[in-house]
């Protein structure tokens, strides 16, 4: 049987790092969502024009290799307070792996939320 796990983190960066660690160590776990607790504060709910950024990823002897990154808003326009808001992750995990997922999440600074 599968169980949903929710955990709260101090900021979005640590939440994403914890989700990545869980995915890496527990293959049977599915990441459902990683999101700020109050997404309206960074206007994720309002439509924005697409932003494209061309990033150099490698330099060869004759030319650049680039990557095109597409986002709905510019992270650089966000204030530090908006970037550092409390965030939540949701996981779907096989029941036998729940204790291991809890260990990984708490080791990364997360607080397990009670099932709703």
PDB file of N, CA and C in Angstrom:
ATOM      1  N   UNK A   1       0.839  -1.176   0.000  1.00  0.00           N
ATOM      2  CA  UNK A   1       0.000   0.000   0.000  1.00  0.00           C
ATOM      3  C   UNK A   1       0.889   1.246   0.000  1.00  0.00           C
ATOM      4  N   UNK A   2       0.444   2.291  -0.686  1.00  0.00           N
ATOM      5  CA  UNK A   2       1.219   3.526  -0.782  1.00  0.00           C
ATOM      6  C   UNK A   2       0.696   4.554   0.222  1.00  0.00           C
ATOM      7  N   UNK A   3       1.617   5.359   0.697  1.00  0.00           N
ATOM      8  CA  UNK A   3       1.274   6.360   1.690  1.00  0.00           C
ATOM      9  C   UNK A   3       1.806   7.724   1.248  1.00  0.00           C
ATOM     10  N   UNK A   4       1.015   8.775   1.478  1.00  0.00           N
ATOM     11  CA  UNK A   4       1.445  10.130   1.150  1.00  0.00           C
ATOM     12  C   UNK A   4       2.146  10.729   2.357  1.00  0.00           C
ATOM     13  N   UNK A   5       3.311  11.325   2.111  1.00  0.00           N
ATOM     14  CA  UNK A   5       4.088  11.982   3.156  1.00  0.00           C
ATOM     15  C   UNK A   5       4.185  13.456   2.793  1.00  0.00           C
ATOM     16  N   UNK A   6       3.935  14.325   3.778  1.00  0.00           N
ATOM     17  CA  UNK A   6       4.121  15.761   3.600  1.00  0.00           C
ATOM     18  C   UNK A   6       5.152  16.230   4.614  1.00  0.00           C
ATOM     19  N   UNK A   7       6.039  17.136   4.175  1.00  0.00           N
ATOM     20  CA  UNK A   7       7.047  17.681   5.073  1.00  0.00           C
ATOM     21  C   UNK A   7       7.231  19.159   4.785  1.00  0.00           C
ATOM     22  N   UNK A   8       7.525  19.911   5.840  1.00  0.00           N
ATOM     23  CA  UNK A   8       7.720  21.353   5.730  1.00  0.00           C
ATOM     24  C   UNK A   8       9.203  21.666   5.891  1.00  0.00           C
ATOM     25  N   UNK A   9       9.693  22.626   5.099  1.00  0.00           N
ATOM     26  CA  UNK A   9      11.089  23.048   5.133  1.00  0.00           C
ATOM     27  C   UNK A   9      11.162  24.562   5.270  1.00  0.00           C
ATOM     28  N   UNK A  10      12.315  25.062   5.707  1.00  0.00           N
ATOM     29  CA  UNK A  10      12.493  26.501   5.906  1.00  0.00           C
ATOM     30  C   UNK A  10      12.485  27.282   4.602  1.00  0.00           C
ATOM     31  N   UNK A  11      12.954  26.679   3.527  1.00  0.00           N
ATOM     32  CA  UNK A  11      12.957  27.392   2.245  1.00  0.00           C
ATOM     33  C   UNK A  11      12.847  26.397   1.100  1.00  0.00           C
ATOM     34  N   UNK A  12      12.630  26.915  -0.075  1.00  0.00           N
ATOM     35  CA  UNK A  12      12.402  26.087  -1.252  1.00  0.00           C
ATOM     36  C   UNK A  12      13.654  25.308  -1.653  1.00  0.00           C
ATOM     37  N   UNK A  13      14.835  25.897  -1.445  1.00  0.00           N
ATOM     38  CA  UNK A  13      16.080  25.217  -1.807  1.00  0.00           C
ATOM     39  C   UNK A  13      16.261  23.918  -1.025  1.00  0.00           C
ATOM     40  N   UNK A  14      16.034  23.964   0.289  1.00  0.00           N
ATOM     41  CA  UNK A  14      16.205  22.743   1.090  1.00  0.00           C
ATOM     42  C   UNK A  14      15.124  21.718   0.780  1.00  0.00           C
ATOM     43  N   UNK A  15      13.923  22.182   0.454  1.00  0.00           N
ATOM     44  CA  UNK A  15      12.845  21.255   0.083  1.00  0.00           C
ATOM     45  C   UNK A  15      13.195  20.513  -1.205  1.00  0.00           C
ATOM     46  N   UNK A  16      13.717  21.245  -2.193  1.00  0.00           N
ATOM     47  CA  UNK A  16      14.101  20.613  -3.452  1.00  0.00           C
ATOM     48  C   UNK A  16      15.275  19.654  -3.258  1.00  0.00           C
ATOM     49  N   UNK A  17      16.228  20.017  -2.399  1.00  0.00           N
ATOM     50  CA  UNK A  17      17.366  19.134  -2.125  1.00  0.00           C
ATOM     51  C   UNK A  17      16.900  17.850  -1.437  1.00  0.00           C
ATOM     52  N   UNK A  18      15.960  17.960  -0.516  1.00  0.00           N
ATOM     53  CA  UNK A  18      15.438  16.774   0.167  1.00  0.00           C
ATOM     54  C   UNK A  18      14.669  15.882  -0.800  1.00  0.00           C
ATOM     55  N   UNK A  19      13.859  16.482  -1.671  1.00  0.00           N
ATOM     56  CA  UNK A  19      13.115  15.698  -2.663  1.00  0.00           C
ATOM     57  C   UNK A  19      14.083  14.955  -3.576  1.00  0.00           C
ATOM     58  N   UNK A  20      15.152  15.617  -3.968  1.00  0.00           N
ATOM     59  CA  UNK A  20      16.163  14.983  -4.814  1.00  0.00           C
ATOM     60  C   UNK A  20      16.846  13.820  -4.096  1.00  0.00           C
ATOM     61  N   UNK A  21      17.154  14.002  -2.810  1.00  0.00           N
ATOM     62  CA  UNK A  21      17.793  12.935  -2.027  1.00  0.00           C
ATOM     63  C   UNK A  21      16.869  11.734  -1.864  1.00  0.00           C
ATOM     64  N   UNK A  22      15.589  11.986  -1.627  1.00  0.00           N
ATOM     65  CA  UNK A  22      14.626  10.891  -1.490  1.00  0.00           C
ATOM     66  C   UNK A  22      14.527  10.128  -2.810  1.00  0.00           C
ATOM     67  N   UNK A  23      14.429  10.859  -3.909  1.00  0.00           N
ATOM     68  CA  UNK A  23      14.332  10.215  -5.231  1.00  0.00           C
ATOM     69  C   UNK A  23      15.576   9.377  -5.526  1.00  0.00           C
ATOM     70  N   UNK A  24      16.736   9.865  -5.120  1.00  0.00           N
ATOM     71  CA  UNK A  24      17.994   9.169  -5.386  1.00  0.00           C
ATOM     72  C   UNK A  24      18.117   7.880  -4.567  1.00  0.00           C
ATOM     73  N   UNK A  25      17.723   7.922  -3.301  1.00  0.00           N
ATOM     74  CA  UNK A  25      17.916   6.784  -2.407  1.00  0.00           C
ATOM     75  C   UNK A  25      16.744   5.802  -2.383  1.00  0.00           C
ATOM     76  N   UNK A  26      15.554   6.267  -2.698  1.00  0.00           N
ATOM     77  CA  UNK A  26      14.366   5.402  -2.665  1.00  0.00           C
ATOM     78  C   UNK A  26      13.693   5.427  -4.033  1.00  0.00           C
ATOM     79  N   UNK A  27      13.994   4.455  -4.851  1.00  0.00           N
ATOM     80  CA  UNK A  27      13.487   4.421  -6.213  1.00  0.00           C
ATOM     81  C   UNK A  27      11.968   4.236  -6.270  1.00  0.00           C
ATOM     82  N   UNK A  28      11.385   3.624  -5.245  1.00  0.00           N
ATOM     83  CA  UNK A  28       9.952   3.339  -5.248  1.00  0.00           C
ATOM     84  C   UNK A  28       9.121   4.530  -4.760  1.00  0.00           C
ATOM     85  N   UNK A  29       9.746   5.692  -4.622  1.00  0.00           N
ATOM     86  CA  UNK A  29       9.048   6.872  -4.129  1.00  0.00           C
ATOM     87  C   UNK A  29       8.778   7.829  -5.282  1.00  0.00           C
ATOM     88  N   UNK A  30       7.580   8.391  -5.302  1.00  0.00           N
ATOM     89  CA  UNK A  30       7.200   9.345  -6.343  1.00  0.00           C
ATOM     90  C   UNK A  30       7.042  10.727  -5.706  1.00  0.00           C
ATOM     91  N   UNK A  31       7.712  11.734  -6.277  1.00  0.00           N
ATOM     92  CA  UNK A  31       7.594  13.103  -5.787  1.00  0.00           C
ATOM     93  C   UNK A  31       6.330  13.698  -6.407  1.00  0.00           C
ATOM     94  N   UNK A  32       5.349  14.030  -5.573  1.00  0.00           N
ATOM     95  CA  UNK A  32       4.104  14.592  -6.082  1.00  0.00           C
ATOM     96  C   UNK A  32       4.213  16.097  -6.296  1.00  0.00           C
ATOM     97  N   UNK A  33       4.837  16.805  -5.332  1.00  0.00           N
ATOM     98  CA  UNK A  33       4.929  18.264  -5.450  1.00  0.00           C
ATOM     99  C   UNK A  33       5.995  18.815  -4.519  1.00  0.00           C
ATOM    100  N   UNK A  34       6.617  19.894  -4.964  1.00  0.00           N
ATOM    101  CA  UNK A  34       7.498  20.714  -4.132  1.00  0.00           C
ATOM    102  C   UNK A  34       7.042  22.141  -4.403  1.00  0.00           C
ATOM    103  N   UNK A  35       6.541  22.839  -3.367  1.00  0.00           N
ATOM    104  CA  UNK A  35       5.979  24.162  -3.603  1.00  0.00           C
ATOM    105  C   UNK A  35       6.125  25.055  -2.380  1.00  0.00           C
ATOM    106  N   UNK A  36       6.162  26.382  -2.600  1.00  0.00           N
ATOM    107  CA  UNK A  36       6.154  27.318  -1.472  1.00  0.00           C
ATOM    108  C   UNK A  36       4.830  27.205  -0.732  1.00  0.00           C
ATOM    109  N   UNK A  37       4.861  27.420   0.566  1.00  0.00           N
ATOM    110  CA  UNK A  37       3.635  27.296   1.348  1.00  0.00           C
ATOM    111  C   UNK A  37       2.597  28.346   0.945  1.00  0.00           C
ATOM    112  N   UNK A  38       3.046  29.522   0.548  1.00  0.00           N
ATOM    113  CA  UNK A  38       2.149  30.596   0.104  1.00  0.00           C
ATOM    114  C   UNK A  38       2.565  31.042  -1.294  1.00  0.00           C
ATOM    115  N   UNK A  39       2.243  30.265  -2.342  1.00  0.00           N
ATOM    116  CA  UNK A  39       2.722  30.589  -3.692  1.00  0.00           C
ATOM    117  C   UNK A  39       2.239  31.936  -4.211  1.00  0.00           C
ATOM    118  N   UNK A  40       1.124  32.438  -3.680  1.00  0.00           N
ATOM    119  CA  UNK A  40       0.633  33.725  -4.165  1.00  0.00           C
ATOM    120  C   UNK A  40       1.606  34.858  -3.837  1.00  0.00           C
ATOM    121  N   UNK A  41       2.477  34.653  -2.846  1.00  0.00           N
ATOM    122  CA  UNK A  41       3.402  35.720  -2.479  1.00  0.00           C
ATOM    123  C   UNK A  41       4.483  35.929  -3.529  1.00  0.00           C
ATOM    124  N   UNK A  42       4.721  34.938  -4.386  1.00  0.00           N
ATOM    125  CA  UNK A  42       5.655  35.149  -5.499  1.00  0.00           C
ATOM    126  C   UNK A  42       4.914  35.087  -6.830  1.00  0.00           C
ATOM    127  N   UNK A  43       3.611  35.263  -6.756  1.00  0.00           N
ATOM    128  CA  UNK A  43       2.761  35.376  -7.936  1.00  0.00           C
ATOM    129  C   UNK A  43       2.863  34.178  -8.884  1.00  0.00           C
ATOM    130  N   UNK A  44       2.922  32.993  -8.322  1.00  0.00           N
ATOM    131  CA  UNK A  44       2.924  31.800  -9.164  1.00  0.00           C
ATOM    132  C   UNK A  44       1.552  31.541  -9.770  1.00  0.00           C
ATOM    133  N   UNK A  45       0.518  32.085  -9.158  1.00  0.00           N
ATOM    134  CA  UNK A  45      -0.842  31.804  -9.608  1.00  0.00           C
ATOM    135  C   UNK A  45      -1.298  32.733 -10.728  1.00  0.00           C
ATOM    136  N   UNK A  46      -0.553  33.820 -11.006  1.00  0.00           N
ATOM    137  CA  UNK A  46      -0.938  34.758 -12.057  1.00  0.00           C
ATOM    138  C   UNK A  46      -0.193  34.434 -13.348  1.00  0.00           C
ATOM    139  N   UNK A  47      -0.824  34.623 -14.489  1.00  0.00           N
ATOM    140  CA  UNK A  47      -0.113  34.345 -15.751  1.00  0.00           C
ATOM    141  C   UNK A  47       1.007  35.357 -15.976  1.00  0.00           C
ATOM    142  N   UNK A  48       2.104  34.884 -16.486  1.00  0.00           N
ATOM    143  CA  UNK A  48       3.261  35.710 -16.794  1.00  0.00           C
ATOM    144  C   UNK A  48       3.749  35.369 -18.191  1.00  0.00           C
ATOM    145  N   UNK A  49       4.378  36.325 -18.854  1.00  0.00           N
ATOM    146  CA  UNK A  49       4.980  35.976 -20.144  1.00  0.00           C
ATOM    147  C   UNK A  49       6.135  35.009 -19.923  1.00  0.00           C
ATOM    148  N   UNK A  50       6.357  34.151 -20.874  1.00  0.00           N
ATOM    149  CA  UNK A  50       7.466  33.207 -20.784  1.00  0.00           C
ATOM    150  C   UNK A  50       8.789  33.955 -20.885  1.00  0.00           C
ATOM    151  N   UNK A  51       9.751  33.562 -20.054  1.00  0.00           N
ATOM    152  CA  UNK A  51      11.096  34.135 -20.102  1.00  0.00           C
ATOM    153  C   UNK A  51      12.035  33.063 -20.620  1.00  0.00           C
ATOM    154  N   UNK A  52      12.882  33.457 -21.534  1.00  0.00           N
ATOM    155  CA  UNK A  52      13.860  32.532 -22.089  1.00  0.00           C
ATOM    156  C   UNK A  52      15.252  33.042 -21.745  1.00  0.00           C
ATOM    157  N   UNK A  53      16.107  32.147 -21.300  1.00  0.00           N
ATOM    158  CA  UNK A  53      17.486  32.483 -20.981  1.00  0.00           C
ATOM    159  C   UNK A  53      18.377  31.499 -21.708  1.00  0.00           C
ATOM    160  N   UNK A  54      19.376  32.005 -22.377  1.00  0.00           N
ATOM    161  CA  UNK A  54      20.332  31.173 -23.084  1.00  0.00           C
ATOM    162  C   UNK A  54      21.583  31.061 -22.221  1.00  0.00           C
ATOM    163  N   UNK A  55      21.887  29.864 -21.732  1.00  0.00           N
ATOM    164  CA  UNK A  55      23.009  29.651 -20.830  1.00  0.00           C
ATOM    165  C   UNK A  55      24.130  28.889 -21.520  1.00  0.00           C
ATOM    166  N   UNK A  56      25.363  29.399 -21.450  1.00  0.00           N
ATOM    167  CA  UNK A  56      26.478  28.604 -21.962  1.00  0.00           C
ATOM    168  C   UNK A  56      26.747  27.427 -21.019  1.00  0.00           C
ATOM    169  N   UNK A  57      26.826  26.230 -21.548  1.00  0.00           N
ATOM    170  CA  UNK A  57      27.053  25.052 -20.703  1.00  0.00           C
ATOM    171  C   UNK A  57      28.417  24.426 -20.932  1.00  0.00           C
ATOM    172  N   UNK A  58      29.051  24.732 -22.059  1.00  0.00           N
ATOM    173  CA  UNK A  58      30.392  24.197 -22.336  1.00  0.00           C
ATOM    174  C   UNK A  58      31.048  25.055 -23.405  1.00  0.00           C
ATOM    175  N   UNK A  59      32.362  25.108 -23.357  1.00  0.00           N
ATOM    176  CA  UNK A  59      33.111  25.854 -24.361  1.00  0.00           C
ATOM    177  C   UNK A  59      34.065  24.883 -25.045  1.00  0.00           C
ATOM    178  N   UNK A  60      33.892  24.724 -26.340  1.00  0.00           N
ATOM    179  CA  UNK A  60      34.795  23.893 -27.126  1.00  0.00           C
ATOM    180  C   UNK A  60      35.800  24.804 -27.831  1.00  0.00           C
ATOM    181  N   UNK A  61      36.696  24.245 -28.556  1.00  0.00           N
ATOM    182  CA  UNK A  61      37.728  25.061 -29.209  1.00  0.00           C
ATOM    183  C   UNK A  61      37.153  26.056 -30.214  1.00  0.00           C
ATOM    184  N   UNK A  62      36.047  25.747 -30.866  1.00  0.00           N
ATOM    185  CA  UNK A  62      35.512  26.619 -31.901  1.00  0.00           C
ATOM    186  C   UNK A  62      34.169  27.269 -31.568  1.00  0.00           C
ATOM    187  N   UNK A  63      33.403  26.673 -30.655  1.00  0.00           N
ATOM    188  CA  UNK A  63      32.075  27.225 -30.412  1.00  0.00           C
ATOM    189  C   UNK A  63      31.565  26.890 -29.008  1.00  0.00           C
ATOM    190  N   UNK A  64      30.436  27.507 -28.664  1.00  0.00           N
ATOM    191  CA  UNK A  64      29.777  27.274 -27.385  1.00  0.00           C
ATOM    192  C   UNK A  64      28.697  26.208 -27.541  1.00  0.00           C
ATOM    193  N   UNK A  65      28.464  25.472 -26.480  1.00  0.00           N
ATOM    194  CA  UNK A  65      27.284  24.620 -26.389  1.00  0.00           C
ATOM    195  C   UNK A  65      26.379  25.317 -25.385  1.00  0.00           C
ATOM    196  N   UNK A  66      25.138  25.582 -25.767  1.00  0.00           N
ATOM    197  CA  UNK A  66      24.244  26.337 -24.902  1.00  0.00           C
ATOM    198  C   UNK A  66      22.991  25.544 -24.583  1.00  0.00           C
ATOM    199  N   UNK A  67      22.296  25.999 -23.552  1.00  0.00           N
ATOM    200  CA  UNK A  67      21.013  25.411 -23.166  1.00  0.00           C
ATOM    201  C   UNK A  67      19.991  26.534 -23.095  1.00  0.00           C
ATOM    202  N   UNK A  68      18.782  26.274 -23.564  1.00  0.00           N
ATOM    203  CA  UNK A  68      17.707  27.245 -23.501  1.00  0.00           C
ATOM    204  C   UNK A  68      16.829  26.892 -22.308  1.00  0.00           C
ATOM    205  N   UNK A  69      16.691  27.832 -21.376  1.00  0.00           N
ATOM    206  CA  UNK A  69      15.907  27.620 -20.166  1.00  0.00           C
ATOM    207  C   UNK A  69      14.659  28.485 -20.264  1.00  0.00           C
ATOM    208  N   UNK A  70      13.502  27.885 -20.004  1.00  0.00           N
ATOM    209  CA  UNK A  70      12.234  28.603 -20.097  1.00  0.00           C
ATOM    210  C   UNK A  70      11.574  28.610 -18.721  1.00  0.00           C
ATOM    211  N   UNK A  71      11.206  29.775 -18.221  1.00  0.00           N
ATOM    212  CA  UNK A  71      10.508  29.892 -16.941  1.00  0.00           C
ATOM    213  C   UNK A  71       9.337  30.842 -17.103  1.00  0.00           C
ATOM    214  N   UNK A  72       8.428  30.816 -16.135  1.00  0.00           N
ATOM    215  CA  UNK A  72       7.271  31.709 -16.187  1.00  0.00           C
ATOM    216  C   UNK A  72       7.557  33.039 -15.514  1.00  0.00           C
ATOM    217  N   UNK A  73       8.582  33.126 -14.709  1.00  0.00           N
ATOM    218  CA  UNK A  73       8.956  34.381 -14.095  1.00  0.00           C
ATOM    219  C   UNK A  73      10.447  34.350 -13.816  1.00  0.00           C
ATOM    220  N   UNK A  74      10.988  35.505 -13.540  1.00  0.00           N
ATOM    221  CA  UNK A  74      12.418  35.643 -13.338  1.00  0.00           C
ATOM    222  C   UNK A  74      12.734  35.521 -11.851  1.00  0.00           C
ATOM    223  N   UNK A  75      13.472  34.489 -11.465  1.00  0.00           N
ATOM    224  CA  UNK A  75      13.820  34.297 -10.062  1.00  0.00           C
ATOM    225  C   UNK A  75      14.656  35.461  -9.535  1.00  0.00           C
ATOM    226  N   UNK A  76      15.397  36.123 -10.398  1.00  0.00           N
ATOM    227  CA  UNK A  76      16.232  37.237  -9.961  1.00  0.00           C
ATOM    228  C   UNK A  76      15.394  38.429  -9.517  1.00  0.00           C
ATOM    229  N   UNK A  77      14.152  38.533  -9.979  1.00  0.00           N
ATOM    230  CA  UNK A  77      13.273  39.635  -9.585  1.00  0.00           C
ATOM    231  C   UNK A  77      12.650  39.409  -8.208  1.00  0.00           C
ATOM    232  N   UNK A  78      12.766  38.204  -7.655  1.00  0.00           N
ATOM    233  CA  UNK A  78      12.178  37.905  -6.355  1.00  0.00           C
ATOM    234  C   UNK A  78      13.073  38.414  -5.244  1.00  0.00           C
ATOM    235  N   UNK A  79      12.452  38.946  -4.193  1.00  0.00           N
ATOM    236  CA  UNK A  79      13.230  39.393  -3.041  1.00  0.00           C
ATOM    237  C   UNK A  79      13.711  38.175  -2.254  1.00  0.00           C
ATOM    238  N   UNK A  80      14.691  38.397  -1.411  1.00  0.00           N
ATOM    239  CA  UNK A  80      15.236  37.302  -0.599  1.00  0.00           C
ATOM    240  C   UNK A  80      14.171  36.719   0.330  1.00  0.00           C
ATOM    241  N   UNK A  81      13.280  37.554   0.839  1.00  0.00           N
ATOM    242  CA  UNK A  81      12.207  37.081   1.722  1.00  0.00           C
ATOM    243  C   UNK A  81      11.281  36.131   0.970  1.00  0.00           C
ATOM    244  N   UNK A  82      10.966  36.464  -0.286  1.00  0.00           N
ATOM    245  CA  UNK A  82      10.100  35.600  -1.078  1.00  0.00           C
ATOM    246  C   UNK A  82      10.786  34.282  -1.413  1.00  0.00           C
ATOM    247  N   UNK A  83      12.098  34.307  -1.651  1.00  0.00           N
ATOM    248  CA  UNK A  83      12.822  33.083  -1.956  1.00  0.00           C
ATOM    249  C   UNK A  83      12.937  32.180  -0.737  1.00  0.00           C
ATOM    250  N   UNK A  84      12.966  32.752   0.448  1.00  0.00           N
ATOM    251  CA  UNK A  84      13.232  32.003   1.669  1.00  0.00           C
ATOM    252  C   UNK A  84      11.980  31.607   2.431  1.00  0.00           C
ATOM    253  N   UNK A  85      10.824  31.658   1.802  1.00  0.00           N
ATOM    254  CA  UNK A  85       9.612  31.309   2.525  1.00  0.00           C
ATOM    255  C   UNK A  85       9.503  29.799   2.762  1.00  0.00           C
ATOM    256  N   UNK A  86       8.735  29.451   3.751  1.00  0.00           N
ATOM    257  CA  UNK A  86       8.515  28.059   4.096  1.00  0.00           C
ATOM    258  C   UNK A  86       7.942  27.305   2.904  1.00  0.00           C
ATOM    259  N   UNK A  87       8.453  26.080   2.671  1.00  0.00           N
ATOM    260  CA  UNK A  87       8.022  25.277   1.530  1.00  0.00           C
ATOM    261  C   UNK A  87       7.614  23.880   1.985  1.00  0.00           C
ATOM    262  N   UNK A  88       6.865  23.207   1.142  1.00  0.00           N
ATOM    263  CA  UNK A  88       6.321  21.888   1.461  1.00  0.00           C
ATOM    264  C   UNK A  88       6.652  20.926   0.330  1.00  0.00           C
ATOM    265  N   UNK A  89       6.952  19.664   0.693  1.00  0.00           N
ATOM    266  CA  UNK A  89       7.064  18.617  -0.313  1.00  0.00           C
ATOM    267  C   UNK A  89       6.017  17.551  -0.017  1.00  0.00           C
ATOM    268  N   UNK A  90       5.526  16.926  -1.060  1.00  0.00           N
ATOM    269  CA  UNK A  90       4.595  15.806  -0.952  1.00  0.00           C
ATOM    270  C   UNK A  90       5.187  14.626  -1.698  1.00  0.00           C
ATOM    271  N   UNK A  91       5.226  13.479  -1.034  1.00  0.00           N
ATOM    272  CA  UNK A  91       5.764  12.253  -1.616  1.00  0.00           C
ATOM    273  C   UNK A  91       4.718  11.162  -1.558  1.00  0.00           C
ATOM    274  N   UNK A  92       4.782  10.254  -2.513  1.00  0.00           N
ATOM    275  CA  UNK A  92       3.966   9.047  -2.484  1.00  0.00           C
ATOM    276  C   UNK A  92       4.943   7.891  -2.375  1.00  0.00           C
ATOM    277  N   UNK A  93       4.846   7.130  -1.290  1.00  0.00           N
ATOM    278  CA  UNK A  93       5.879   6.155  -0.956  1.00  0.00           C
ATOM    279  C   UNK A  93       5.251   4.811  -0.577  1.00  0.00           C
ATOM    280  N   UNK A  94       5.918   3.736  -0.949  1.00  0.00           N
ATOM    281  CA  UNK A  94       5.489   2.412  -0.499  1.00  0.00           C
ATOM    282  C   UNK A  94       5.621   2.348   1.027  1.00  0.00           C
ATOM    283  N   UNK A  95       4.699   1.681   1.667  1.00  0.00           N
ATOM    284  CA  UNK A  95       4.635   1.690   3.125  1.00  0.00           C
ATOM    285  C   UNK A  95       5.918   1.196   3.796  1.00  0.00           C
ATOM    286  N   UNK A  96       6.602   0.215   3.212  1.00  0.00           N
ATOM    287  CA  UNK A  96       7.810  -0.321   3.840  1.00  0.00           C
ATOM    288  C   UNK A  96       8.975   0.668   3.776  1.00  0.00           C
ATOM    289  N   UNK A  97       8.906   1.673   2.878  1.00  0.00           N
ATOM    290  CA  UNK A  97       9.981   2.663   2.748  1.00  0.00           C
ATOM    291  C   UNK A  97       9.691   3.958   3.509  1.00  0.00           C
ATOM    292  N   UNK A  98       8.545   4.065   4.154  1.00  0.00           N
ATOM    293  CA  UNK A  98       8.176   5.293   4.867  1.00  0.00           C
ATOM    294  C   UNK A  98       9.190   5.653   5.954  1.00  0.00           C
ATOM    295  N   UNK A  99       9.632   4.715   6.824  1.00  0.00           N
ATOM    296  CA  UNK A  99      10.633   5.102   7.832  1.00  0.00           C
ATOM    297  C   UNK A  99      11.930   5.641   7.225  1.00  0.00           C
ATOM    298  N   UNK A 100      12.382   5.040   6.140  1.00  0.00           N
ATOM    299  CA  UNK A 100      13.603   5.511   5.479  1.00  0.00           C
ATOM    300  C   UNK A 100      13.385   6.903   4.876  1.00  0.00           C
ATOM    301  N   UNK A 101      12.220   7.143   4.285  1.00  0.00           N
ATOM    302  CA  UNK A 101      11.906   8.469   3.732  1.00  0.00           C
ATOM    303  C   UNK A 101      11.873   9.511   4.847  1.00  0.00           C
ATOM    304  N   UNK A 102      11.289   9.158   5.989  1.00  0.00           N
ATOM    305  CA  UNK A 102      11.261  10.076   7.133  1.00  0.00           C
ATOM    306  C   UNK A 102      12.680  10.425   7.581  1.00  0.00           C
ATOM    307  N   UNK A 103      13.574   9.426   7.616  1.00  0.00           N
ATOM    308  CA  UNK A 103      14.964   9.670   8.012  1.00  0.00           C
ATOM    309  C   UNK A 103      15.643  10.652   7.069  1.00  0.00           C
ATOM    310  N   UNK A 104      15.467  10.450   5.776  1.00  0.00           N
ATOM    311  CA  UNK A 104      16.101  11.324   4.785  1.00  0.00           C
ATOM    312  C   UNK A 104      15.563  12.748   4.911  1.00  0.00           C
ATOM    313  N   UNK A 105      14.257  12.880   5.064  1.00  0.00           N
ATOM    314  CA  UNK A 105      13.627  14.202   5.153  1.00  0.00           C
ATOM    315  C   UNK A 105      14.089  14.943   6.403  1.00  0.00           C
ATOM    316  N   UNK A 106      14.065  14.282   7.548  1.00  0.00           N
ATOM    317  CA  UNK A 106      14.482  14.954   8.781  1.00  0.00           C
ATOM    318  C   UNK A 106      15.975  15.250   8.791  1.00  0.00           C
ATOM    319  N   UNK A 107      16.778  14.407   8.156  1.00  0.00           N
ATOM    320  CA  UNK A 107      18.219  14.679   8.062  1.00  0.00           C
ATOM    321  C   UNK A 107      18.490  15.917   7.219  1.00  0.00           C
ATOM    322  N   UNK A 108      17.601  16.231   6.286  1.00  0.00           N
ATOM    323  CA  UNK A 108      17.755  17.405   5.426  1.00  0.00           C
ATOM    324  C   UNK A 108      17.071  18.646   6.001  1.00  0.00           C
ATOM    325  N   UNK A 109      16.581  18.560   7.229  1.00  0.00           N
ATOM    326  CA  UNK A 109      16.021  19.731   7.890  1.00  0.00           C
ATOM    327  C   UNK A 109      14.508  19.853   7.789  1.00  0.00           C
ATOM    328  N   UNK A 110      13.831  18.812   7.361  1.00  0.00           N
ATOM    329  CA  UNK A 110      12.376  18.870   7.201  1.00  0.00           C
ATOM    330  C   UNK A 110      11.628  18.453   8.465  1.00  0.00           C
ATOM    331  N   UNK A 111      10.404  18.875   8.545  1.00  0.00           N
ATOM    332  CA  UNK A 111       9.503  18.488   9.626  1.00  0.00           C
ATOM    333  C   UNK A 111       8.341  17.744   8.998  1.00  0.00           C
ATOM    334  N   UNK A 112       8.146  16.499   9.413  1.00  0.00           N
ATOM    335  CA  UNK A 112       7.055  15.687   8.874  1.00  0.00           C
ATOM    336  C   UNK A 112       5.724  16.232   9.376  1.00  0.00           C
ATOM    337  N   UNK A 113       4.804  16.473   8.454  1.00  0.00           N
ATOM    338  CA  UNK A 113       3.478  16.957   8.822  1.00  0.00           C
ATOM    339  C   UNK A 113       2.541  15.762   9.018  1.00  0.00           C
ATOM    340  N   UNK A 114       1.608  15.869   9.957  1.00  0.00           N
ATOM    341  CA  UNK A 114       0.655  14.779  10.157  1.00  0.00           C
ATOM    342  C   UNK A 114      -0.241  14.619   8.934  1.00  0.00           C
ATOM    343  N   UNK A 115      -0.704  13.390   8.663  1.00  0.00           N
ATOM    344  CA  UNK A 115      -1.591  13.181   7.507  1.00  0.00           C
ATOM    345  C   UNK A 115      -2.866  14.015   7.666  1.00  0.00           C
ATOM    346  N   UNK A 116      -3.310  14.596   6.549  1.00  0.00           N
ATOM    347  CA  UNK A 116      -4.523  15.434   6.630  1.00  0.00           C
ATOM    348  C   UNK A 116      -5.747  14.666   6.220  1.00  0.00           C
TER     349      UNK A 116
END
